[in-house]
């Protein structure tokens, strides 16, 4: 009896998914991308060459750029913002819209990018050092006109990565540091599938959500999220009174592999993410009702191209083409 009920429930849910997908209509979406200097380096790429290719050859017109703590303060008290300054200057030359992500927890594993000198600090001391770093970052960049919004931390209330326990009070203090020095919008990001969004929506001007469809978990392996565009748009509507806007800060455009990409067979990678799946993901987000979505994985596309597999890069060129949204 229980099995029959479960089968009926599964059929009804799948039927609802089909109907939701059929009823969802396309909307224009500004496609952007996250660019990680560190990830490009992990892939063995020249990060500056990869960055410029993303702007000039790929045609990215909106970027999310992380300001990694271990990159800007490798030694205590000695800051170097030159690489981020260069990225912003090159983006400005091309009229690229930029979100600057700041804090301890930022895009790419291990999520919390703490300098080696700070790794063994007491938890409370680490929090204070984080705030000191953030004040320095905000002071440096607050006079720049090369970006339009701050992202404070990355999914700070979602327990993922090699990070201290989520601390909403610390996050509130970080937001206060940014707001005290600059009037640009503050973005907080959340897991699109595994968070309720409410606390982050209350704290932010714009809420960024991740959107993943094919994921991997060590307990169950690969699986496909049984979600629809209308499922997301319904959740967006539910928090619309708490925040000015909800957008997709992280749209899956690379495989979620069990291990590092460079250790994974290329043909297998392309079974997990390929041009067809990429187009499907972009089509999916266009039916969610958001106006912006930032793709996750363009460094991998460039790495593939360097391996003689340009199909993801070429598909990206099509999607970032101004005519793609017409």
C-alpha atoms as a PDB file:
ATOM      1  CA  UNK A   1       0.000   0.000   0.000  1.00  0.00           C
ATOM      2  CA  UNK A   2       2.791   2.399   0.972  1.00  0.00           C
ATOM      3  CA  UNK A   3       4.648   1.646  -2.258  1.00  0.00           C
ATOM      4  CA  UNK A   4       1.517   2.405  -4.302  1.00  0.00           C
ATOM      5  CA  UNK A   5       1.069   5.728  -2.497  1.00  0.00           C
ATOM      6  CA  UNK A   6       4.706   6.640  -3.146  1.00  0.00           C
ATOM      7  CA  UNK A   7       4.379   5.765  -6.827  1.00  0.00           C
ATOM      8  CA  UNK A   8       1.224   7.875  -7.181  1.00  0.00           C
ATOM      9  CA  UNK A   9       2.893  10.780  -5.363  1.00  0.00           C
ATOM     10  CA  UNK A  10       5.940  10.549  -7.638  1.00  0.00           C
ATOM     11  CA  UNK A  11       3.764  10.482 -10.771  1.00  0.00           C
ATOM     12  CA  UNK A  12       1.769  13.497  -9.569  1.00  0.00           C
ATOM     13  CA  UNK A  13       4.930  15.430  -8.776  1.00  0.00           C
ATOM     14  CA  UNK A  14       6.512  14.622 -12.125  1.00  0.00           C
ATOM     15  CA  UNK A  15       3.274  15.639 -13.850  1.00  0.00           C
ATOM     16  CA  UNK A  16       3.349  18.947 -11.976  1.00  0.00           C
ATOM     17  CA  UNK A  17       6.960  19.490 -13.083  1.00  0.00           C
ATOM     18  CA  UNK A  18       5.968  18.977 -16.708  1.00  0.00           C
ATOM     19  CA  UNK A  19       3.022  21.370 -16.402  1.00  0.00           C
ATOM     20  CA  UNK A  20       5.161  23.985 -14.586  1.00  0.00           C
ATOM     21  CA  UNK A  21       7.759  23.843 -17.332  1.00  0.00           C
ATOM     22  CA  UNK A  22       5.122  24.166 -20.048  1.00  0.00           C
ATOM     23  CA  UNK A  23       3.506  27.168 -18.344  1.00  0.00           C
ATOM     24  CA  UNK A  24       6.776  29.043 -17.756  1.00  0.00           C
ATOM     25  CA  UNK A  25       7.610  31.685 -20.353  1.00  0.00           C
ATOM     26  CA  UNK A  26      10.997  33.148 -21.311  1.00  0.00           C
ATOM     27  CA  UNK A  27      12.205  36.528 -20.019  1.00  0.00           C
ATOM     28  CA  UNK A  28      15.227  38.588 -20.983  1.00  0.00           C
ATOM     29  CA  UNK A  29      18.127  37.914 -18.618  1.00  0.00           C
ATOM     30  CA  UNK A  30      21.459  39.708 -18.391  1.00  0.00           C
ATOM     31  CA  UNK A  31      24.001  36.879 -18.413  1.00  0.00           C
ATOM     32  CA  UNK A  32      27.205  37.435 -16.492  1.00  0.00           C
ATOM     33  CA  UNK A  33      29.858  35.215 -14.946  1.00  0.00           C
ATOM     34  CA  UNK A  34      31.930  34.751 -11.830  1.00  0.00           C
ATOM     35  CA  UNK A  35      35.649  34.989 -12.527  1.00  0.00           C
ATOM     36  CA  UNK A  36      38.057  33.493  -9.997  1.00  0.00           C
ATOM     37  CA  UNK A  37      41.745  34.268 -10.354  1.00  0.00           C
ATOM     38  CA  UNK A  38      42.493  31.441  -7.909  1.00  0.00           C
ATOM     39  CA  UNK A  39      40.483  28.854  -9.812  1.00  0.00           C
ATOM     40  CA  UNK A  40      42.164  29.791 -13.091  1.00  0.00           C
ATOM     41  CA  UNK A  41      45.512  29.254 -11.401  1.00  0.00           C
ATOM     42  CA  UNK A  42      44.380  25.900  -9.962  1.00  0.00           C
ATOM     43  CA  UNK A  43      43.602  24.809 -13.514  1.00  0.00           C
ATOM     44  CA  UNK A  44      47.157  25.698 -14.534  1.00  0.00           C
ATOM     45  CA  UNK A  45      46.069  28.710 -16.585  1.00  0.00           C
ATOM     46  CA  UNK A  46      47.586  32.159 -16.874  1.00  0.00           C
ATOM     47  CA  UNK A  47      44.826  33.962 -15.012  1.00  0.00           C
ATOM     48  CA  UNK A  48      45.315  37.330 -16.745  1.00  0.00           C
ATOM     49  CA  UNK A  49      45.166  35.742 -20.196  1.00  0.00           C
ATOM     50  CA  UNK A  50      42.043  33.831 -19.167  1.00  0.00           C
ATOM     51  CA  UNK A  51      40.432  36.967 -17.759  1.00  0.00           C
ATOM     52  CA  UNK A  52      41.054  39.043 -20.878  1.00  0.00           C
ATOM     53  CA  UNK A  53      39.829  36.205 -23.096  1.00  0.00           C
ATOM     54  CA  UNK A  54      36.633  36.109 -21.027  1.00  0.00           C
ATOM     55  CA  UNK A  55      36.063  39.806 -21.681  1.00  0.00           C
ATOM     56  CA  UNK A  56      37.218  40.052 -25.292  1.00  0.00           C
ATOM     57  CA  UNK A  57      36.692  36.647 -26.876  1.00  0.00           C
ATOM     58  CA  UNK A  58      33.847  35.260 -24.788  1.00  0.00           C
ATOM     59  CA  UNK A  59      32.135  38.641 -24.526  1.00  0.00           C
ATOM     60  CA  UNK A  60      31.170  38.696 -20.830  1.00  0.00           C
ATOM     61  CA  UNK A  61      29.510  42.018 -19.938  1.00  0.00           C
ATOM     62  CA  UNK A  62      28.754  41.412 -16.258  1.00  0.00           C
ATOM     63  CA  UNK A  63      31.158  39.966 -13.694  1.00  0.00           C
ATOM     64  CA  UNK A  64      31.296  38.890 -10.083  1.00  0.00           C
ATOM     65  CA  UNK A  65      34.878  39.309  -8.810  1.00  0.00           C
ATOM     66  CA  UNK A  66      36.051  37.896  -5.454  1.00  0.00           C
ATOM     67  CA  UNK A  67      38.591  39.823  -3.355  1.00  0.00           C
ATOM     68  CA  UNK A  68      40.330  36.877  -1.676  1.00  0.00           C
ATOM     69  CA  UNK A  69      41.722  37.591   1.774  1.00  0.00           C
ATOM     70  CA  UNK A  70      44.756  35.303   1.402  1.00  0.00           C
ATOM     71  CA  UNK A  71      45.532  37.008  -1.904  1.00  0.00           C
ATOM     72  CA  UNK A  72      45.355  40.633  -0.741  1.00  0.00           C
ATOM     73  CA  UNK A  73      46.937  40.158   2.728  1.00  0.00           C
ATOM     74  CA  UNK A  74      49.429  37.270   2.408  1.00  0.00           C
ATOM     75  CA  UNK A  75      51.404  38.687   5.359  1.00  0.00           C
ATOM     76  CA  UNK A  76      49.705  40.268   8.345  1.00  0.00           C
ATOM     77  CA  UNK A  77      49.089  43.975   7.779  1.00  0.00           C
ATOM     78  CA  UNK A  78      50.670  44.032   4.311  1.00  0.00           C
ATOM     79  CA  UNK A  79      47.949  44.565   1.704  1.00  0.00           C
ATOM     80  CA  UNK A  80      48.282  44.364  -2.056  1.00  0.00           C
ATOM     81  CA  UNK A  81      45.193  45.180  -4.134  1.00  0.00           C
ATOM     82  CA  UNK A  82      47.003  45.476  -7.464  1.00  0.00           C
ATOM     83  CA  UNK A  83      45.505  42.350  -9.083  1.00  0.00           C
ATOM     84  CA  UNK A  84      41.943  43.335  -8.228  1.00  0.00           C
ATOM     85  CA  UNK A  85      42.625  46.926  -9.298  1.00  0.00           C
ATOM     86  CA  UNK A  86      43.837  45.581 -12.644  1.00  0.00           C
ATOM     87  CA  UNK A  87      40.725  43.424 -13.098  1.00  0.00           C
ATOM     88  CA  UNK A  88      38.466  46.389 -12.346  1.00  0.00           C
ATOM     89  CA  UNK A  89      40.383  48.676 -14.701  1.00  0.00           C
ATOM     90  CA  UNK A  90      40.152  46.181 -17.562  1.00  0.00           C
ATOM     91  CA  UNK A  91      36.434  45.702 -16.899  1.00  0.00           C
ATOM     92  CA  UNK A  92      35.903  49.478 -16.920  1.00  0.00           C
ATOM     93  CA  UNK A  93      37.627  49.825 -20.313  1.00  0.00           C
ATOM     94  CA  UNK A  94      35.024  47.473 -21.765  1.00  0.00           C
ATOM     95  CA  UNK A  95      31.980  48.792 -19.947  1.00  0.00           C
ATOM     96  CA  UNK A  96      31.548  45.611 -17.900  1.00  0.00           C
ATOM     97  CA  UNK A  97      29.128  45.654 -14.942  1.00  0.00           C
ATOM     98  CA  UNK A  98      30.915  44.343 -11.800  1.00  0.00           C
ATOM     99  CA  UNK A  99      29.893  42.978  -8.416  1.00  0.00           C
ATOM    100  CA  UNK A 100      32.786  43.012  -5.921  1.00  0.00           C
ATOM    101  CA  UNK A 101      32.642  40.110  -3.441  1.00  0.00           C
ATOM    102  CA  UNK A 102      34.401  40.763  -0.121  1.00  0.00           C
ATOM    103  CA  UNK A 103      34.878  38.965   3.181  1.00  0.00           C
ATOM    104  CA  UNK A 104      36.356  35.727   4.517  1.00  0.00           C
ATOM    105  CA  UNK A 105      34.037  33.294   2.708  1.00  0.00           C
ATOM    106  CA  UNK A 106      34.086  33.818  -1.051  1.00  0.00           C
ATOM    107  CA  UNK A 107      33.433  31.781  -4.218  1.00  0.00           C
ATOM    108  CA  UNK A 108      35.450  28.597  -4.823  1.00  0.00           C
ATOM    109  CA  UNK A 109      36.703  25.868  -2.525  1.00  0.00           C
ATOM    110  CA  UNK A 110      37.627  25.870   0.325  1.00  0.00           C
ATOM    111  CA  UNK A 111      35.101  28.746   0.533  1.00  0.00           C
ATOM    112  CA  UNK A 112      36.887  30.444   3.436  1.00  0.00           C
ATOM    113  CA  UNK A 113      40.120  31.846   2.004  1.00  0.00           C
ATOM    114  CA  UNK A 114      41.991  32.596   5.221  1.00  0.00           C
ATOM    115  CA  UNK A 115      45.685  33.565   5.008  1.00  0.00           C
ATOM    116  CA  UNK A 116      48.119  31.023   6.433  1.00  0.00           C
ATOM    117  CA  UNK A 117      49.130  33.474   9.172  1.00  0.00           C
ATOM    118  CA  UNK A 118      45.513  33.606  10.406  1.00  0.00           C
ATOM    119  CA  UNK A 119      44.578  29.920  10.215  1.00  0.00           C
ATOM    120  CA  UNK A 120      45.466  29.094  13.832  1.00  0.00           C
ATOM    121  CA  UNK A 121      43.951  32.226  15.358  1.00  0.00           C
ATOM    122  CA  UNK A 122      41.385  31.914  18.130  1.00  0.00           C
ATOM    123  CA  UNK A 123      37.851  32.127  16.718  1.00  0.00           C
ATOM    124  CA  UNK A 124      37.065  35.487  18.294  1.00  0.00           C
ATOM    125  CA  UNK A 125      40.411  36.916  17.198  1.00  0.00           C
ATOM    126  CA  UNK A 126      39.772  35.638  13.663  1.00  0.00           C
ATOM    127  CA  UNK A 127      36.443  37.489  13.594  1.00  0.00           C
ATOM    128  CA  UNK A 128      38.128  40.730  14.616  1.00  0.00           C
ATOM    129  CA  UNK A 129      40.860  40.237  12.016  1.00  0.00           C
ATOM    130  CA  UNK A 130      38.140  39.631   9.413  1.00  0.00           C
ATOM    131  CA  UNK A 131      36.532  42.951  10.282  1.00  0.00           C
ATOM    132  CA  UNK A 132      39.906  44.721  10.175  1.00  0.00           C
ATOM    133  CA  UNK A 133      40.562  43.261   6.725  1.00  0.00           C
ATOM    134  CA  UNK A 134      37.105  44.271   5.527  1.00  0.00           C
ATOM    135  CA  UNK A 135      37.569  47.859   6.712  1.00  0.00           C
ATOM    136  CA  UNK A 136      40.815  48.031   4.744  1.00  0.00           C
ATOM    137  CA  UNK A 137      39.151  46.572   1.643  1.00  0.00           C
ATOM    138  CA  UNK A 138      36.164  48.907   1.802  1.00  0.00           C
ATOM    139  CA  UNK A 139      38.378  51.934   2.396  1.00  0.00           C
ATOM    140  CA  UNK A 140      40.471  51.037  -0.655  1.00  0.00           C
ATOM    141  CA  UNK A 141      37.616  50.354  -3.050  1.00  0.00           C
ATOM    142  CA  UNK A 142      34.968  52.800  -1.825  1.00  0.00           C
ATOM    143  CA  UNK A 143      36.424  55.592  -3.989  1.00  0.00           C
ATOM    144  CA  UNK A 144      36.281  53.440  -7.132  1.00  0.00           C
ATOM    145  CA  UNK A 145      33.506  53.865  -9.688  1.00  0.00           C
ATOM    146  CA  UNK A 146      34.370  50.563 -11.398  1.00  0.00           C
ATOM    147  CA  UNK A 147      31.738  48.364  -9.715  1.00  0.00           C
ATOM    148  CA  UNK A 148      28.066  48.770  -8.861  1.00  0.00           C
ATOM    149  CA  UNK A 149      27.459  46.583  -5.782  1.00  0.00           C
ATOM    150  CA  UNK A 150      29.147  44.856  -2.843  1.00  0.00           C
ATOM    151  CA  UNK A 151      28.616  41.185  -2.131  1.00  0.00           C
ATOM    152  CA  UNK A 152      29.376  40.604   1.553  1.00  0.00           C
ATOM    153  CA  UNK A 153      30.637  37.042   2.054  1.00  0.00           C
ATOM    154  CA  UNK A 154      29.390  34.125  -0.080  1.00  0.00           C
ATOM    155  CA  UNK A 155      26.430  32.129   1.208  1.00  0.00           C
ATOM    156  CA  UNK A 156      27.530  33.166   4.726  1.00  0.00           C
ATOM    157  CA  UNK A 157      24.598  31.527   6.543  1.00  0.00           C
ATOM    158  CA  UNK A 158      24.843  28.253   4.620  1.00  0.00           C
ATOM    159  CA  UNK A 159      27.109  25.637   6.286  1.00  0.00           C
ATOM    160  CA  UNK A 160      29.405  24.635   3.437  1.00  0.00           C
ATOM    161  CA  UNK A 161      33.176  24.591   3.022  1.00  0.00           C
ATOM    162  CA  UNK A 162      36.126  24.619   5.394  1.00  0.00           C
ATOM    163  CA  UNK A 163      34.798  27.507   7.455  1.00  0.00           C
ATOM    164  CA  UNK A 164      33.928  28.526  11.004  1.00  0.00           C
ATOM    165  CA  UNK A 165      30.327  28.068  12.073  1.00  0.00           C
ATOM    166  CA  UNK A 166      27.938  30.546  10.448  1.00  0.00           C
ATOM    167  CA  UNK A 167      27.616  33.682  12.584  1.00  0.00           C
ATOM    168  CA  UNK A 168      24.807  36.094  11.733  1.00  0.00           C
ATOM    169  CA  UNK A 169      26.052  38.658  14.252  1.00  0.00           C
ATOM    170  CA  UNK A 170      29.436  38.801  12.539  1.00  0.00           C
ATOM    171  CA  UNK A 171      27.682  39.130   9.181  1.00  0.00           C
ATOM    172  CA  UNK A 172      25.626  42.042  10.505  1.00  0.00           C
ATOM    173  CA  UNK A 173      28.812  43.749  11.694  1.00  0.00           C
ATOM    174  CA  UNK A 174      30.421  43.213   8.273  1.00  0.00           C
ATOM    175  CA  UNK A 175      27.412  44.698   6.506  1.00  0.00           C
ATOM    176  CA  UNK A 176      27.576  47.690   8.863  1.00  0.00           C
ATOM    177  CA  UNK A 177      31.247  48.225   7.942  1.00  0.00           C
ATOM    178  CA  UNK A 178      30.366  48.330   4.245  1.00  0.00           C
ATOM    179  CA  UNK A 179      27.301  50.546   4.663  1.00  0.00           C
ATOM    180  CA  UNK A 180      29.186  53.014   6.860  1.00  0.00           C
ATOM    181  CA  UNK A 181      31.679  53.711   4.082  1.00  0.00           C
ATOM    182  CA  UNK A 182      29.689  53.394   0.857  1.00  0.00           C
ATOM    183  CA  UNK A 183      26.132  53.733  -0.431  1.00  0.00           C
ATOM    184  CA  UNK A 184      26.233  51.033  -3.113  1.00  0.00           C
ATOM    185  CA  UNK A 185      23.798  48.104  -2.754  1.00  0.00           C
ATOM    186  CA  UNK A 186      24.745  45.206  -0.475  1.00  0.00           C
ATOM    187  CA  UNK A 187      24.219  41.691  -1.817  1.00  0.00           C
ATOM    188  CA  UNK A 188      23.920  38.573   0.346  1.00  0.00           C
ATOM    189  CA  UNK A 189      23.907  35.188  -1.367  1.00  0.00           C
ATOM    190  CA  UNK A 190      22.168  31.936  -0.466  1.00  0.00           C
ATOM    191  CA  UNK A 191      21.875  28.356  -1.645  1.00  0.00           C
ATOM    192  CA  UNK A 192      18.968  28.343  -4.058  1.00  0.00           C
ATOM    193  CA  UNK A 193      17.892  24.840  -3.116  1.00  0.00           C
ATOM    194  CA  UNK A 194      18.910  24.300   0.515  1.00  0.00           C
ATOM    195  CA  UNK A 195      18.190  27.610   2.283  1.00  0.00           C
ATOM    196  CA  UNK A 196      15.008  29.478   3.199  1.00  0.00           C
ATOM    197  CA  UNK A 197      16.462  32.852   1.999  1.00  0.00           C
ATOM    198  CA  UNK A 198      14.554  34.838   4.631  1.00  0.00           C
ATOM    199  CA  UNK A 199      17.351  35.987   6.946  1.00  0.00           C
ATOM    200  CA  UNK A 200      19.593  36.940   4.033  1.00  0.00           C
ATOM    201  CA  UNK A 201      16.774  38.777   2.270  1.00  0.00           C
ATOM    202  CA  UNK A 202      16.135  40.865   5.392  1.00  0.00           C
ATOM    203  CA  UNK A 203      19.818  41.839   5.624  1.00  0.00           C
ATOM    204  CA  UNK A 204      20.419  42.697   1.949  1.00  0.00           C
ATOM    205  CA  UNK A 205      19.406  45.109  -0.781  1.00  0.00           C
ATOM    206  CA  UNK A 206      19.699  42.390  -3.422  1.00  0.00           C
ATOM    207  CA  UNK A 207      19.546  38.653  -2.762  1.00  0.00           C
ATOM    208  CA  UNK A 208      21.672  36.354  -4.917  1.00  0.00           C
ATOM    209  CA  UNK A 209      20.747  32.674  -5.137  1.00  0.00           C
ATOM    210  CA  UNK A 210      22.641  29.731  -6.600  1.00  0.00           C
ATOM    211  CA  UNK A 211      20.869  27.507  -9.114  1.00  0.00           C
ATOM    212  CA  UNK A 212      22.211  23.976  -9.541  1.00  0.00           C
ATOM    213  CA  UNK A 213      20.504  21.179 -11.410  1.00  0.00           C
ATOM    214  CA  UNK A 214      23.010  18.289 -11.614  1.00  0.00           C
ATOM    215  CA  UNK A 215      24.980  17.783  -8.395  1.00  0.00           C
ATOM    216  CA  UNK A 216      27.086  15.189  -6.612  1.00  0.00           C
ATOM    217  CA  UNK A 217      26.897  13.991  -3.032  1.00  0.00           C
ATOM    218  CA  UNK A 218      29.255  11.466  -1.448  1.00  0.00           C
ATOM    219  CA  UNK A 219      26.321   9.528  -0.016  1.00  0.00           C
ATOM    220  CA  UNK A 220      24.137   9.207  -3.123  1.00  0.00           C
ATOM    221  CA  UNK A 221      26.472  10.132  -5.989  1.00  0.00           C
ATOM    222  CA  UNK A 222      25.140  12.192  -8.890  1.00  0.00           C
ATOM    223  CA  UNK A 223      21.526  13.307  -8.885  1.00  0.00           C
ATOM    224  CA  UNK A 224      19.322  15.845 -10.661  1.00  0.00           C
ATOM    225  CA  UNK A 225      17.388  18.403  -8.617  1.00  0.00           C
ATOM    226  CA  UNK A 226      13.643  17.884  -9.296  1.00  0.00           C
ATOM    227  CA  UNK A 227      12.898  21.603  -9.424  1.00  0.00           C
ATOM    228  CA  UNK A 228      11.154  23.822 -11.960  1.00  0.00           C
ATOM    229  CA  UNK A 229      11.437  27.518 -12.873  1.00  0.00           C
ATOM    230  CA  UNK A 230       8.058  28.113 -11.227  1.00  0.00           C
ATOM    231  CA  UNK A 231       9.355  26.548  -7.988  1.00  0.00           C
ATOM    232  CA  UNK A 232      12.057  29.221  -7.856  1.00  0.00           C
ATOM    233  CA  UNK A 233       9.764  32.037  -8.988  1.00  0.00           C
ATOM    234  CA  UNK A 234       7.291  31.090  -6.263  1.00  0.00           C
ATOM    235  CA  UNK A 235      10.035  31.341  -3.651  1.00  0.00           C
ATOM    236  CA  UNK A 236      11.185  34.652  -5.127  1.00  0.00           C
ATOM    237  CA  UNK A 237       7.644  36.001  -4.790  1.00  0.00           C
ATOM    238  CA  UNK A 238       7.539  34.837  -1.176  1.00  0.00           C
ATOM    239  CA  UNK A 239      10.523  37.040  -0.189  1.00  0.00           C
ATOM    240  CA  UNK A 240       9.793  39.932  -2.559  1.00  0.00           C
ATOM    241  CA  UNK A 241       8.545  42.115   0.286  1.00  0.00           C
ATOM    242  CA  UNK A 242      11.831  41.708   2.170  1.00  0.00           C
ATOM    243  CA  UNK A 243      14.380  42.643  -0.504  1.00  0.00           C
ATOM    244  CA  UNK A 244      14.600  44.924  -3.542  1.00  0.00           C
ATOM    245  CA  UNK A 245      15.516  42.173  -5.996  1.00  0.00           C
ATOM    246  CA  UNK A 246      16.404  38.494  -6.265  1.00  0.00           C
ATOM    247  CA  UNK A 247      18.818  37.349  -8.963  1.00  0.00           C
ATOM    248  CA  UNK A 248      20.879  34.240  -9.759  1.00  0.00           C
ATOM    249  CA  UNK A 249      24.396  34.835  -8.474  1.00  0.00           C
ATOM    250  CA  UNK A 250      25.605  31.356  -9.397  1.00  0.00           C
ATOM    251  CA  UNK A 251      24.187  29.381 -12.337  1.00  0.00           C
ATOM    252  CA  UNK A 252      25.777  25.990 -12.888  1.00  0.00           C
ATOM    253  CA  UNK A 253      27.864  25.930 -16.066  1.00  0.00           C
ATOM    254  CA  UNK A 254      30.518  23.366 -15.126  1.00  0.00           C
ATOM    255  CA  UNK A 255      30.356  19.753 -13.892  1.00  0.00           C
ATOM    256  CA  UNK A 256      30.022  18.895 -10.242  1.00  0.00           C
ATOM    257  CA  UNK A 257      32.620  16.128 -10.174  1.00  0.00           C
ATOM    258  CA  UNK A 258      33.555  13.920  -7.184  1.00  0.00           C
ATOM    259  CA  UNK A 259      37.109  15.308  -7.258  1.00  0.00           C
ATOM    260  CA  UNK A 260      39.224  18.071  -8.786  1.00  0.00           C
ATOM    261  CA  UNK A 261      38.481  18.770 -12.447  1.00  0.00           C
ATOM    262  CA  UNK A 262      42.102  18.319 -13.510  1.00  0.00           C
ATOM    263  CA  UNK A 263      42.027  14.739 -12.145  1.00  0.00           C
ATOM    264  CA  UNK A 264      38.786  13.882 -13.948  1.00  0.00           C
ATOM    265  CA  UNK A 265      38.586  12.397 -17.453  1.00  0.00           C
ATOM    266  CA  UNK A 266      37.563  15.116 -19.913  1.00  0.00           C
ATOM    267  CA  UNK A 267      35.016  12.943 -21.712  1.00  0.00           C
ATOM    268  CA  UNK A 268      33.403  12.138 -18.365  1.00  0.00           C
ATOM    269  CA  UNK A 269      33.341  15.831 -17.454  1.00  0.00           C
ATOM    270  CA  UNK A 270      31.439  16.524 -20.657  1.00  0.00           C
ATOM    271  CA  UNK A 271      28.778  13.956 -19.791  1.00  0.00           C
ATOM    272  CA  UNK A 272      28.079  16.011 -16.650  1.00  0.00           C
ATOM    273  CA  UNK A 273      28.141  19.437 -18.327  1.00  0.00           C
ATOM    274  CA  UNK A 274      28.048  20.035 -22.062  1.00  0.00           C
ATOM    275  CA  UNK A 275      26.609  22.553 -24.539  1.00  0.00           C
ATOM    276  CA  UNK A 276      23.137  21.009 -24.400  1.00  0.00           C
ATOM    277  CA  UNK A 277      22.995  21.115 -20.594  1.00  0.00           C
ATOM    278  CA  UNK A 278      24.384  24.638 -20.545  1.00  0.00           C
ATOM    279  CA  UNK A 279      21.718  25.855 -22.954  1.00  0.00           C
ATOM    280  CA  UNK A 280      19.099  24.041 -20.898  1.00  0.00           C
ATOM    281  CA  UNK A 281      20.288  25.736 -17.693  1.00  0.00           C
ATOM    282  CA  UNK A 282      20.193  29.166 -19.326  1.00  0.00           C
ATOM    283  CA  UNK A 283      16.719  28.449 -20.702  1.00  0.00           C
ATOM    284  CA  UNK A 284      15.692  27.315 -17.213  1.00  0.00           C
ATOM    285  CA  UNK A 285      16.821  30.556 -15.574  1.00  0.00           C
ATOM    286  CA  UNK A 286      15.140  32.656 -18.277  1.00  0.00           C
ATOM    287  CA  UNK A 287      11.858  31.106 -17.164  1.00  0.00           C
ATOM    288  CA  UNK A 288      12.410  31.908 -13.479  1.00  0.00           C
ATOM    289  CA  UNK A 289      11.548  35.577 -13.902  1.00  0.00           C
ATOM    290  CA  UNK A 290      14.914  36.991 -12.756  1.00  0.00           C
ATOM    291  CA  UNK A 291      16.710  39.740 -14.678  1.00  0.00           C
ATOM    292  CA  UNK A 292      20.335  38.701 -14.014  1.00  0.00           C
ATOM    293  CA  UNK A 293      22.220  35.390 -13.827  1.00  0.00           C
ATOM    294  CA  UNK A 294      25.953  34.834 -13.350  1.00  0.00           C
ATOM    295  CA  UNK A 295      27.375  31.659 -14.887  1.00  0.00           C
ATOM    296  CA  UNK A 296      29.740  29.503 -12.832  1.00  0.00           C
ATOM    297  CA  UNK A 297      32.605  27.813 -14.656  1.00  0.00           C
ATOM    298  CA  UNK A 298      33.975  29.979 -17.477  1.00  0.00           C
ATOM    299  CA  UNK A 299      37.543  29.242 -16.317  1.00  0.00           C
ATOM    300  CA  UNK A 300      36.790  25.565 -16.957  1.00  0.00           C
ATOM    301  CA  UNK A 301      35.521  26.407 -20.449  1.00  0.00           C
ATOM    302  CA  UNK A 302      38.843  28.106 -21.217  1.00  0.00           C
ATOM    303  CA  UNK A 303      40.792  25.172 -19.743  1.00  0.00           C
ATOM    304  CA  UNK A 304      38.821  22.797 -21.984  1.00  0.00           C
ATOM    305  CA  UNK A 305      39.598  24.969 -24.997  1.00  0.00           C
ATOM    306  CA  UNK A 306      43.284  24.724 -24.140  1.00  0.00           C
ATOM    307  CA  UNK A 307      42.843  20.920 -24.079  1.00  0.00           C
ATOM    308  CA  UNK A 308      41.520  21.029 -27.647  1.00  0.00           C
ATOM    309  CA  UNK A 309      37.850  20.859 -26.607  1.00  0.00           C
ATOM    310  CA  UNK A 310      36.403  24.300 -27.440  1.00  0.00           C
ATOM    311  CA  UNK A 311      32.713  23.372 -27.523  1.00  0.00           C
ATOM    312  CA  UNK A 312      31.801  24.908 -24.151  1.00  0.00           C
ATOM    313  CA  UNK A 313      33.678  28.120 -24.931  1.00  0.00           C
ATOM    314  CA  UNK A 314      31.998  28.376 -28.337  1.00  0.00           C
ATOM    315  CA  UNK A 315      28.580  27.809 -26.787  1.00  0.00           C
ATOM    316  CA  UNK A 316      29.368  30.521 -24.262  1.00  0.00           C
ATOM    317  CA  UNK A 317      30.217  32.914 -27.102  1.00  0.00           C
ATOM    318  CA  UNK A 318      26.759  32.255 -28.543  1.00  0.00           C
ATOM    319  CA  UNK A 319      25.036  32.809 -25.213  1.00  0.00           C
ATOM    320  CA  UNK A 320      26.917  36.021 -24.409  1.00  0.00           C
ATOM    321  CA  UNK A 321      26.350  37.422 -27.885  1.00  0.00           C
ATOM    322  CA  UNK A 322      24.084  40.515 -27.788  1.00  0.00           C
ATOM    323  CA  UNK A 323      21.799  38.830 -30.324  1.00  0.00           C
ATOM    324  CA  UNK A 324      21.263  35.806 -28.043  1.00  0.00           C
ATOM    325  CA  UNK A 325      18.541  37.559 -26.027  1.00  0.00           C
ATOM    326  CA  UNK A 326      16.739  38.980 -29.024  1.00  0.00           C
END
